[in-house]
Amino acid sequence: MTYKLACADVGVACPFVAEGETMDEMMEAAVKHVKAEHGYTDEQINDPATQKEIKAAIKQE
């Protein structure tokens, strides 16, 4: 099973899609991307509202 999280699915105009065979692998790629490309901080990423939005946007294929 592959986990996917697209920036576009959380309202960001960006074509990036984080993918991973595990949830942790996918989240590692997503966090690295949003920090580098969108300027997010750990505080923003770990905000409960942000976490809820992220979890709702994750797809499993």
Protein backbone atom coordinates (compact mmCIF):
# COMPACT_ATOMS: atom_id res chain seq x y z
CA MET A 1 0.00 0.00 0.00
CA THR A 2 1.24 3.49 -0.82
CA TYR A 3 0.35 6.58 1.19
CA LYS A 4 0.05 9.90 -0.66
CA LEU A 5 -0.40 13.51 0.40
CA ALA A 6 -0.68 16.27 -2.20
CA CYS A 7 -0.15 19.92 -1.42
CA ALA A 8 -3.16 20.68 -3.61
CA ASP A 9 -5.35 18.51 -1.35
CA VAL A 10 -4.70 20.84 1.58
CA GLY A 11 -5.33 24.02 -0.41
CA VAL A 12 -1.78 24.88 -1.49
CA ALA A 13 -1.20 25.74 -5.16
CA CYS A 14 1.70 23.34 -5.60
CA PRO A 15 2.06 20.16 -7.69
CA PHE A 16 4.09 18.26 -5.06
CA VAL A 17 2.84 14.86 -3.89
CA ALA A 18 4.56 13.12 -0.98
CA GLU A 19 4.53 9.33 -1.29
CA GLY A 20 5.68 6.49 0.91
CA GLU A 21 5.20 2.81 1.58
CA THR A 22 4.54 3.70 5.22
CA MET A 23 2.78 6.63 6.83
CA ASP A 24 6.06 7.67 8.47
CA GLU A 25 7.96 7.58 5.17
CA MET A 26 5.29 9.69 3.46
CA MET A 27 5.12 12.19 6.34
CA GLU A 28 8.91 12.55 6.38
CA ALA A 29 8.86 13.54 2.70
CA ALA A 30 5.91 15.89 3.21
CA VAL A 31 7.45 17.65 6.21
CA LYS A 32 10.79 18.08 4.44
CA HIS A 33 8.98 19.61 1.44
CA VAL A 34 6.72 22.03 3.33
CA LYS A 35 9.62 23.29 5.42
CA ALA A 36 11.90 23.83 2.42
CA GLU A 37 9.39 25.06 -0.16
CA HIS A 38 6.58 26.65 1.84
CA GLY A 39 8.45 27.93 4.90
CA TYR A 40 6.43 25.99 7.48
CA THR A 41 7.85 25.64 10.98
CA ASP A 42 7.59 22.63 13.31
CA GLU A 43 5.09 24.63 15.36
CA GLN A 44 2.85 25.17 12.33
CA ILE A 45 3.14 21.54 11.22
CA ASN A 46 2.31 20.22 14.70
CA ASP A 47 -0.66 22.54 15.22
CA PRO A 48 -3.75 20.37 15.93
CA ALA A 49 -5.80 22.05 13.18
CA THR A 50 -3.03 21.48 10.65
CA GLN A 51 -2.64 17.85 11.72
CA LYS A 52 -6.39 17.30 11.32
CA GLU A 53 -6.32 18.80 7.81
CA ILE A 54 -3.31 16.68 6.84
CA LYS A 55 -4.85 13.44 8.13
CA ALA A 56 -8.06 14.12 6.19
CA ALA A 57 -6.09 14.60 2.94
CA ILE A 58 -3.97 11.43 3.09
CA LYS A 59 -4.83 8.85 0.46
CA GLN A 60 -4.01 5.14 0.46
CA GLU A 61 -3.55 3.30 -2.80
